[in-house]
């Protein structure tokens, strides 16, 4: 196998410069992707916290309604003479 001919010095430095620029661009893209991920994760966390809070409030309202209905049913049963166990 014949070895490739040697590259001229200016071609070699151009290749080195291109590699350096590409590495810098790749690192910049990695950092940008990391920022986007952290931002997305933060936004999703806020949404879920809001959703959990909303569900907790709804749960408390429903518990109040259930207690109210139980009291109402108890009063009706007392008036009718029925006792539920």
N, C-alpha and C. Protein backbone atom coordinates (compact mmCIF):
# COMPACT_ATOMS: atom_id res chain seq x y z
N UNK A 1 0.85 -1.18 0.00
CA UNK A 1 0.00 0.00 0.00
C UNK A 1 0.89 1.24 0.00
N UNK A 2 0.53 2.16 -0.80
CA UNK A 2 1.34 3.37 -0.95
C UNK A 2 0.87 4.41 0.05
N UNK A 3 1.75 5.00 0.83
CA UNK A 3 1.33 6.02 1.80
C UNK A 3 0.85 7.27 1.06
N UNK A 4 -0.10 8.00 1.65
CA UNK A 4 -0.60 9.20 1.00
C UNK A 4 0.51 10.26 0.95
N UNK A 5 0.44 11.11 -0.05
CA UNK A 5 1.47 12.13 -0.13
C UNK A 5 1.33 13.11 1.03
N UNK A 6 2.41 13.69 1.49
CA UNK A 6 2.33 14.63 2.62
C UNK A 6 1.50 15.86 2.25
N UNK A 7 0.77 16.36 3.25
CA UNK A 7 -0.07 17.53 3.01
C UNK A 7 0.79 18.79 3.12
N UNK A 8 0.47 19.76 2.31
CA UNK A 8 1.17 21.03 2.46
C UNK A 8 0.86 21.63 3.83
N UNK A 9 1.74 22.43 4.37
CA UNK A 9 1.61 22.99 5.71
C UNK A 9 0.33 23.82 5.84
N UNK A 10 0.00 24.60 4.81
CA UNK A 10 -1.20 25.43 4.92
C UNK A 10 -2.48 24.59 4.91
N UNK A 11 -2.48 23.44 4.23
CA UNK A 11 -3.64 22.54 4.25
C UNK A 11 -3.78 21.93 5.63
N UNK A 12 -2.67 21.53 6.21
CA UNK A 12 -2.69 20.95 7.56
C UNK A 12 -3.21 21.94 8.57
N UNK A 13 -2.81 23.18 8.50
CA UNK A 13 -3.28 24.18 9.45
C UNK A 13 -4.76 24.49 9.20
N UNK A 14 -5.19 24.43 7.94
CA UNK A 14 -6.60 24.65 7.63
C UNK A 14 -7.45 23.54 8.23
N UNK A 15 -6.98 22.30 8.12
CA UNK A 15 -7.69 21.16 8.70
C UNK A 15 -7.77 21.31 10.22
N UNK A 16 -6.67 21.71 10.83
CA UNK A 16 -6.65 21.90 12.28
C UNK A 16 -7.62 23.00 12.70
N UNK A 17 -7.67 24.07 11.94
CA UNK A 17 -8.58 25.17 12.24
C UNK A 17 -10.03 24.71 12.11
N UNK A 18 -10.33 23.94 11.06
CA UNK A 18 -11.70 23.42 10.87
C UNK A 18 -12.08 22.51 12.03
N UNK A 19 -11.17 21.64 12.45
CA UNK A 19 -11.45 20.75 13.58
C UNK A 19 -11.71 21.57 14.85
N UNK A 20 -10.93 22.60 15.06
CA UNK A 20 -11.11 23.44 16.25
C UNK A 20 -12.47 24.12 16.22
N UNK A 21 -12.84 24.67 15.08
CA UNK A 21 -14.14 25.34 14.95
C UNK A 21 -15.27 24.33 15.16
N UNK A 22 -15.14 23.15 14.58
CA UNK A 22 -16.18 22.13 14.75
C UNK A 22 -16.32 21.71 16.21
N UNK A 23 -15.21 21.52 16.89
CA UNK A 23 -15.26 21.14 18.31
C UNK A 23 -15.95 22.22 19.12
N UNK A 24 -15.63 23.48 18.83
CA UNK A 24 -16.24 24.61 19.54
C UNK A 24 -17.75 24.64 19.28
N UNK A 25 -18.14 24.43 18.01
CA UNK A 25 -19.57 24.42 17.68
C UNK A 25 -20.31 23.28 18.37
N UNK A 26 -19.68 22.13 18.40
CA UNK A 26 -20.29 20.97 19.06
C UNK A 26 -20.46 21.25 20.54
N UNK A 27 -19.46 21.82 21.16
CA UNK A 27 -19.55 22.13 22.59
C UNK A 27 -20.64 23.18 22.84
N UNK A 28 -20.75 24.16 21.97
CA UNK A 28 -21.80 25.18 22.09
C UNK A 28 -23.18 24.53 21.96
N UNK A 29 -23.33 23.60 21.03
CA UNK A 29 -24.60 22.90 20.87
C UNK A 29 -24.94 22.06 22.09
N UNK A 30 -23.94 21.40 22.66
CA UNK A 30 -24.18 20.60 23.87
C UNK A 30 -24.68 21.48 25.01
N UNK A 31 -24.02 22.63 25.18
CA UNK A 31 -24.43 23.54 26.24
C UNK A 31 -25.84 24.06 25.98
N UNK A 32 -26.14 24.39 24.74
CA UNK A 32 -27.48 24.87 24.39
C UNK A 32 -28.52 23.79 24.67
N UNK A 33 -28.24 22.56 24.31
CA UNK A 33 -29.18 21.46 24.57
C UNK A 33 -29.39 21.27 26.06
N UNK A 34 -28.32 21.39 26.84
CA UNK A 34 -28.43 21.26 28.29
C UNK A 34 -29.30 22.37 28.86
N UNK A 35 -29.10 23.59 28.40
CA UNK A 35 -29.93 24.71 28.86
C UNK A 35 -31.39 24.47 28.52
N UNK A 36 -31.66 24.02 27.30
CA UNK A 36 -33.04 23.75 26.90
C UNK A 36 -33.66 22.66 27.77
N UNK A 37 -32.88 21.63 28.07
CA UNK A 37 -33.39 20.54 28.90
C UNK A 37 -33.72 21.04 30.30
N UNK A 38 -32.81 21.82 30.88
CA UNK A 38 -33.03 22.34 32.23
C UNK A 38 -34.26 23.25 32.24
N UNK A 39 -34.39 24.08 31.23
CA UNK A 39 -35.54 24.97 31.13
C UNK A 39 -36.83 24.17 30.99
N UNK A 40 -36.82 23.16 30.12
CA UNK A 40 -38.00 22.31 29.92
C UNK A 40 -38.38 21.60 31.21
N UNK A 41 -37.37 21.06 31.89
CA UNK A 41 -37.63 20.34 33.14
C UNK A 41 -38.24 21.29 34.18
N UNK A 42 -37.73 22.51 34.24
CA UNK A 42 -38.28 23.49 35.17
C UNK A 42 -39.72 23.84 34.85
N UNK A 43 -40.00 24.05 33.56
CA UNK A 43 -41.38 24.36 33.15
C UNK A 43 -42.32 23.21 33.47
N UNK A 44 -41.89 21.99 33.19
CA UNK A 44 -42.74 20.83 33.48
C UNK A 44 -42.97 20.69 34.98
N UNK A 45 -41.92 20.94 35.75
CA UNK A 45 -42.06 20.88 37.21
C UNK A 45 -43.09 21.88 37.71
N UNK A 46 -43.06 23.10 37.17
CA UNK A 46 -44.03 24.12 37.57
C UNK A 46 -45.45 23.70 37.16
N UNK A 47 -45.58 23.14 35.97
CA UNK A 47 -46.91 22.70 35.52
C UNK A 47 -47.45 21.61 36.44
N UNK A 48 -46.58 20.63 36.77
CA UNK A 48 -47.04 19.54 37.61
C UNK A 48 -47.37 20.03 39.01
N UNK A 49 -46.57 20.98 39.54
CA UNK A 49 -46.87 21.53 40.86
C UNK A 49 -48.24 22.21 40.83
N UNK A 50 -48.50 22.96 39.77
CA UNK A 50 -49.80 23.62 39.63
C UNK A 50 -50.93 22.62 39.53
N UNK A 51 -50.70 21.56 38.77
CA UNK A 51 -51.73 20.53 38.59
C UNK A 51 -51.98 19.79 39.91
N UNK A 52 -50.92 19.49 40.65
CA UNK A 52 -51.08 18.81 41.94
C UNK A 52 -51.86 19.71 42.90
N UNK A 53 -51.53 20.99 42.92
CA UNK A 53 -52.26 21.92 43.78
C UNK A 53 -53.74 21.98 43.42
N UNK A 54 -54.02 22.04 42.13
CA UNK A 54 -55.41 22.09 41.67
C UNK A 54 -56.16 20.83 42.08
N UNK A 55 -55.52 19.67 41.91
CA UNK A 55 -56.16 18.40 42.28
C UNK A 55 -56.38 18.32 43.78
N UNK A 56 -55.46 18.83 44.56
CA UNK A 56 -55.64 18.82 46.03
C UNK A 56 -56.83 19.69 46.44
N UNK A 57 -56.93 20.88 45.83
CA UNK A 57 -58.08 21.75 46.13
C UNK A 57 -59.39 21.09 45.74
N UNK A 58 -59.40 20.47 44.56
CA UNK A 58 -60.61 19.77 44.11
C UNK A 58 -60.95 18.62 45.05
N UNK A 59 -59.94 17.91 45.52
CA UNK A 59 -60.16 16.81 46.45
C UNK A 59 -60.78 17.31 47.75
N UNK A 60 -60.28 18.44 48.26
CA UNK A 60 -60.84 19.00 49.49
C UNK A 60 -62.30 19.41 49.28
N UNK A 61 -62.60 20.02 48.14
CA UNK A 61 -63.99 20.40 47.85
C UNK A 61 -64.89 19.17 47.80
N UNK A 62 -64.40 18.11 47.17
CA UNK A 62 -65.21 16.88 47.08
C UNK A 62 -65.39 16.24 48.45
N UNK A 63 -64.36 16.28 49.28
CA UNK A 63 -64.52 15.75 50.64
C UNK A 63 -65.58 16.53 51.40
N UNK A 64 -65.56 17.84 51.23
CA UNK A 64 -66.57 18.68 51.88
C UNK A 64 -67.97 18.32 51.40
N UNK A 65 -68.12 18.11 50.11
CA UNK A 65 -69.42 17.72 49.56
C UNK A 65 -69.87 16.37 50.11
N UNK A 66 -68.94 15.41 50.20
CA UNK A 66 -69.28 14.08 50.74
C UNK A 66 -69.74 14.21 52.18
N UNK A 67 -69.02 14.99 52.99
CA UNK A 67 -69.41 15.17 54.39
C UNK A 67 -70.79 15.83 54.48
N UNK A 68 -71.02 16.81 53.64
CA UNK A 68 -72.32 17.49 53.62
C UNK A 68 -73.44 16.51 53.26
N UNK A 69 -73.18 15.68 52.26
CA UNK A 69 -74.20 14.70 51.86
C UNK A 69 -74.43 13.66 52.96
N UNK A 70 -73.37 13.27 53.65
CA UNK A 70 -73.53 12.31 54.76
C UNK A 70 -74.39 12.91 55.86
N UNK A 71 -74.13 14.17 56.20
CA UNK A 71 -74.92 14.83 57.25
C UNK A 71 -76.39 14.93 56.83
N UNK A 72 -76.58 15.32 55.57
CA UNK A 72 -77.93 15.45 55.06
C UNK A 72 -78.65 14.11 55.08
N UNK A 73 -77.96 13.04 54.69
CA UNK A 73 -78.56 11.71 54.71
C UNK A 73 -78.85 11.28 56.14
N UNK A 74 -77.95 11.62 57.06
CA UNK A 74 -78.17 11.28 58.46
C UNK A 74 -79.40 11.98 59.01
N UNK A 75 -79.60 13.23 58.68
CA UNK A 75 -80.78 13.97 59.14
C UNK A 75 -82.06 13.36 58.58
N UNK A 76 -82.02 13.01 57.30
CA UNK A 76 -83.20 12.39 56.68
C UNK A 76 -83.52 11.05 57.35
N UNK A 77 -82.46 10.29 57.64
CA UNK A 77 -82.67 8.98 58.29
C UNK A 77 -83.24 9.15 59.69
N UNK A 78 -82.80 10.17 60.41
CA UNK A 78 -83.33 10.40 61.76
C UNK A 78 -84.82 10.75 61.70
N UNK A 79 -85.19 11.55 60.70
CA UNK A 79 -86.60 11.93 60.56
C UNK A 79 -87.47 10.74 60.15
N UNK A 80 -86.91 9.85 59.35
CA UNK A 80 -87.71 8.73 58.87
C UNK A 80 -87.64 7.53 59.80
N UNK A 81 -86.73 7.57 60.76
CA UNK A 81 -86.62 6.46 61.70
C UNK A 81 -85.68 5.37 61.24
N UNK A 82 -85.09 5.50 60.07
CA UNK A 82 -84.15 4.51 59.57
C UNK A 82 -82.76 4.80 60.13
N UNK A 83 -82.05 3.77 60.43
CA UNK A 83 -80.67 3.93 60.87
C UNK A 83 -79.78 3.14 59.92
N UNK A 84 -78.78 3.84 59.37
CA UNK A 84 -77.83 3.16 58.50
C UNK A 84 -76.60 2.85 59.32
N UNK A 85 -76.11 1.64 59.16
CA UNK A 85 -75.06 1.13 59.97
C UNK A 85 -73.73 1.54 59.77
